[in-house]
Amino acid sequence: MARSATDIVQDVINAAVVDAIVALKDASQGLPNALIRDLASIHANTAFNDLPAAVQKAVAASVRNAFAQLQKDGYVIADSKSVQPAVRRPAPPVTAGRVDRPPRRDAPRPGAPRRPPPGKGKR
């Protein structure tokens, strides 16, 4: 049975996180203070270039592996410009001078009894 793209991407992200953590541990060379310093430098606004070099290499390898895994499982990776848009339905024909609009909400339905406007009926 073919795996869904969601399952593949979840596996790839899990592997990327583990690889990044291992790269952080390796970059600290077994020094706990260096590891804590590197971990503390990573926050929500950290750019890719701000990451330690070992983590940048691990992330780059994980991205390459992600695309390779998706392609291996039969998914096509393409530039958005090279993908053809979905076939659109043709527009409904426009009659000369007439625009089809939905009926107004306050217009009576065909066959419905007419009601007098509010305040002008029986008392």
C-alpha atoms as a PDB file:
ATOM      1  CA  MET A   1       0.000   0.000   0.000  1.00  0.00           C
ATOM      2  CA  ALA A   2       1.324   3.448  -0.930  1.00  0.00           C
ATOM      3  CA  ARG A   3       2.135   5.804   1.888  1.00  0.00           C
ATOM      4  CA  SER A   4       0.481   9.207   1.960  1.00  0.00           C
ATOM      5  CA  ALA A   5       2.553  12.346   1.548  1.00  0.00           C
ATOM      6  CA  THR A   6       1.582  13.340   5.094  1.00  0.00           C
ATOM      7  CA  ASP A   7       3.087  10.144   6.531  1.00  0.00           C
ATOM      8  CA  ILE A   8       6.267  10.608   4.524  1.00  0.00           C
ATOM      9  CA  VAL A   9       6.655  14.251   5.558  1.00  0.00           C
ATOM     10  CA  GLN A  10       6.048  13.393   9.227  1.00  0.00           C
ATOM     11  CA  ASP A  11       8.790  10.746   9.066  1.00  0.00           C
ATOM     12  CA  VAL A  12      11.117  13.168   7.312  1.00  0.00           C
ATOM     13  CA  ILE A  13      10.505  15.942   9.868  1.00  0.00           C
ATOM     14  CA  ASN A  14      11.059  13.521  12.730  1.00  0.00           C
ATOM     15  CA  ALA A  15      14.353  12.414  11.187  1.00  0.00           C
ATOM     16  CA  ALA A  16      15.365  16.056  10.589  1.00  0.00           C
ATOM     17  CA  VAL A  17      14.752  16.994  14.227  1.00  0.00           C
ATOM     18  CA  VAL A  18      16.720  14.014  15.497  1.00  0.00           C
ATOM     19  CA  ASP A  19      19.565  14.747  13.063  1.00  0.00           C
ATOM     20  CA  ALA A  20      19.669  18.396  14.191  1.00  0.00           C
ATOM     21  CA  ILE A  21      19.820  17.391  17.864  1.00  0.00           C
ATOM     22  CA  VAL A  22      22.614  14.913  17.156  1.00  0.00           C
ATOM     23  CA  ALA A  23      24.464  17.625  15.204  1.00  0.00           C
ATOM     24  CA  LEU A  24      24.124  20.016  18.174  1.00  0.00           C
ATOM     25  CA  LYS A  25      25.483  17.376  20.524  1.00  0.00           C
ATOM     26  CA  ASP A  26      28.396  16.623  18.184  1.00  0.00           C
ATOM     27  CA  ALA A  27      29.189  20.328  17.748  1.00  0.00           C
ATOM     28  CA  SER A  28      29.481  20.776  21.524  1.00  0.00           C
ATOM     29  CA  GLN A  29      32.213  18.089  21.597  1.00  0.00           C
ATOM     30  CA  GLY A  30      30.856  16.672  24.826  1.00  0.00           C
ATOM     31  CA  LEU A  31      31.002  19.994  26.702  1.00  0.00           C
ATOM     32  CA  PRO A  32      27.679  20.574  28.470  1.00  0.00           C
ATOM     33  CA  ASN A  33      28.136  24.357  28.656  1.00  0.00           C
ATOM     34  CA  ALA A  34      28.713  24.584  24.893  1.00  0.00           C
ATOM     35  CA  LEU A  35      25.605  22.486  24.247  1.00  0.00           C
ATOM     36  CA  ILE A  36      23.486  24.678  26.534  1.00  0.00           C
ATOM     37  CA  ARG A  37      24.874  27.837  24.876  1.00  0.00           C
ATOM     38  CA  ASP A  38      24.030  26.492  21.402  1.00  0.00           C
ATOM     39  CA  LEU A  39      20.545  25.441  22.501  1.00  0.00           C
ATOM     40  CA  ALA A  40      19.913  28.820  24.138  1.00  0.00           C
ATOM     41  CA  SER A  41      20.880  30.609  20.922  1.00  0.00           C
ATOM     42  CA  ILE A  42      18.024  28.942  19.029  1.00  0.00           C
ATOM     43  CA  HIS A  43      14.635  30.659  19.284  1.00  0.00           C
ATOM     44  CA  ALA A  44      11.530  31.258  17.168  1.00  0.00           C
ATOM     45  CA  ASN A  45      13.153  34.009  15.081  1.00  0.00           C
ATOM     46  CA  THR A  46      16.446  32.205  14.431  1.00  0.00           C
ATOM     47  CA  ALA A  47      17.369  32.319  10.743  1.00  0.00           C
ATOM     48  CA  PHE A  48      19.006  29.388   8.992  1.00  0.00           C
ATOM     49  CA  ASN A  49      22.335  31.241   8.789  1.00  0.00           C
ATOM     50  CA  ASP A  50      22.242  31.842  12.568  1.00  0.00           C
ATOM     51  CA  LEU A  51      22.280  28.117  13.318  1.00  0.00           C
ATOM     52  CA  PRO A  52      25.587  26.407  14.146  1.00  0.00           C
ATOM     53  CA  ALA A  53      27.374  25.087  11.030  1.00  0.00           C
ATOM     54  CA  ALA A  54      26.824  21.438  12.023  1.00  0.00           C
ATOM     55  CA  VAL A  55      23.076  22.020  12.327  1.00  0.00           C
ATOM     56  CA  GLN A  56      22.984  23.824   8.955  1.00  0.00           C
ATOM     57  CA  LYS A  57      24.633  20.795   7.324  1.00  0.00           C
ATOM     58  CA  ALA A  58      22.189  18.424   9.052  1.00  0.00           C
ATOM     59  CA  VAL A  59      19.178  20.470   7.918  1.00  0.00           C
ATOM     60  CA  ALA A  60      20.469  20.656   4.338  1.00  0.00           C
ATOM     61  CA  ALA A  61      20.976  16.875   4.288  1.00  0.00           C
ATOM     62  CA  SER A  62      17.494  16.335   5.751  1.00  0.00           C
ATOM     63  CA  VAL A  63      15.919  18.485   3.033  1.00  0.00           C
ATOM     64  CA  ARG A  64      17.729  16.544   0.313  1.00  0.00           C
ATOM     65  CA  ASN A  65      16.610  13.272   1.915  1.00  0.00           C
ATOM     66  CA  ALA A  66      13.020  14.537   2.147  1.00  0.00           C
ATOM     67  CA  PHE A  67      12.815  15.270  -1.575  1.00  0.00           C
ATOM     68  CA  ALA A  68      14.515  11.983  -2.420  1.00  0.00           C
ATOM     69  CA  GLN A  69      12.071  10.047  -0.220  1.00  0.00           C
ATOM     70  CA  LEU A  70       9.034  11.777  -1.748  1.00  0.00           C
ATOM     71  CA  GLN A  71      10.291  11.070  -5.270  1.00  0.00           C
ATOM     72  CA  LYS A  72      11.117   7.464  -4.357  1.00  0.00           C
ATOM     73  CA  ASP A  73       7.521   6.968  -3.200  1.00  0.00           C
ATOM     74  CA  GLY A  74       6.161   8.311  -6.490  1.00  0.00           C
ATOM     75  CA  TYR A  75       5.423  11.950  -5.684  1.00  0.00           C
ATOM     76  CA  VAL A  76       6.433  14.593  -8.204  1.00  0.00           C
ATOM     77  CA  ILE A  77       8.401  17.582  -6.989  1.00  0.00           C
ATOM     78  CA  ALA A  78       8.171  20.475  -9.442  1.00  0.00           C
ATOM     79  CA  ASP A  79       8.526  24.229  -9.613  1.00  0.00           C
ATOM     80  CA  SER A  80       5.155  25.939  -9.270  1.00  0.00           C
ATOM     81  CA  LYS A  81       5.645  27.659 -12.646  1.00  0.00           C
ATOM     82  CA  SER A  82       5.993  24.332 -14.455  1.00  0.00           C
ATOM     83  CA  VAL A  83       2.749  22.854 -13.119  1.00  0.00           C
ATOM     84  CA  GLN A  84      -0.326  23.297 -15.283  1.00  0.00           C
ATOM     85  CA  PRO A  85      -3.325  24.802 -13.484  1.00  0.00           C
ATOM     86  CA  ALA A  86      -6.394  22.649 -13.016  1.00  0.00           C
ATOM     87  CA  VAL A  87      -8.886  22.674 -15.865  1.00  0.00           C
ATOM     88  CA  ARG A  88     -11.440  25.376 -15.293  1.00  0.00           C
ATOM     89  CA  ARG A  89     -15.102  25.032 -16.099  1.00  0.00           C
ATOM     90  CA  PRO A  90     -16.241  27.262 -18.928  1.00  0.00           C
ATOM     91  CA  ALA A  91     -18.233  30.285 -17.860  1.00  0.00           C
ATOM     92  CA  PRO A  92     -21.996  29.993 -18.318  1.00  0.00           C
ATOM     93  CA  PRO A  93     -23.243  31.643 -21.496  1.00  0.00           C
ATOM     94  CA  VAL A  94     -24.354  35.240 -21.094  1.00  0.00           C
ATOM     95  CA  THR A  95     -27.540  36.188 -22.881  1.00  0.00           C
ATOM     96  CA  ALA A  96     -27.555  39.543 -24.645  1.00  0.00           C
ATOM     97  CA  GLY A  97     -28.288  42.302 -22.157  1.00  0.00           C
ATOM     98  CA  ARG A  98     -29.481  39.946 -19.423  1.00  0.00           C
ATOM     99  CA  VAL A  99     -27.591  39.122 -16.280  1.00  0.00           C
ATOM    100  CA  ASP A 100     -28.735  36.085 -14.317  1.00  0.00           C
ATOM    101  CA  ARG A 101     -28.991  36.968 -10.650  1.00  0.00           C
ATOM    102  CA  PRO A 102     -30.463  35.102  -7.739  1.00  0.00           C
ATOM    103  CA  PRO A 103     -33.916  36.347  -6.743  1.00  0.00           C
ATOM    104  CA  ARG A 104     -34.111  39.076  -4.144  1.00  0.00           C
ATOM    105  CA  ARG A 105     -34.861  37.874  -0.654  1.00  0.00           C
ATOM    106  CA  ASP A 106     -37.886  40.107  -0.305  1.00  0.00           C
ATOM    107  CA  ALA A 107     -39.351  39.112  -3.687  1.00  0.00           C
ATOM    108  CA  PRO A 108     -42.298  36.717  -3.451  1.00  0.00           C
ATOM    109  CA  ARG A 109     -41.728  33.170  -4.609  1.00  0.00           C
ATOM    110  CA  PRO A 110     -43.763  32.033  -7.584  1.00  0.00           C
ATOM    111  CA  GLY A 111     -47.060  30.576  -6.394  1.00  0.00           C
ATOM    112  CA  ALA A 112     -46.685  31.908  -2.840  1.00  0.00           C
ATOM    113  CA  PRO A 113     -49.515  34.029  -1.444  1.00  0.00           C
ATOM    114  CA  ARG A 114     -48.738  37.729  -1.377  1.00  0.00           C
ATOM    115  CA  ARG A 115     -48.414  39.305   2.008  1.00  0.00           C
ATOM    116  CA  PRO A 116     -49.076  42.943   2.708  1.00  0.00           C
ATOM    117  CA  PRO A 117     -46.109  45.030   3.861  1.00  0.00           C
ATOM    118  CA  PRO A 118     -45.677  45.197   7.658  1.00  0.00           C
ATOM    119  CA  GLY A 119     -48.123  47.550   9.339  1.00  0.00           C
ATOM    120  CA  LYS A 120     -50.566  47.681   6.374  1.00  0.00           C
ATOM    121  CA  GLY A 121     -52.610  44.539   6.948  1.00  0.00           C
ATOM    122  CA  LYS A 122     -55.590  43.642   9.119  1.00  0.00           C
ATOM    123  CA  ARG A 123     -55.817  45.103  12.595  1.00  0.00           C
END
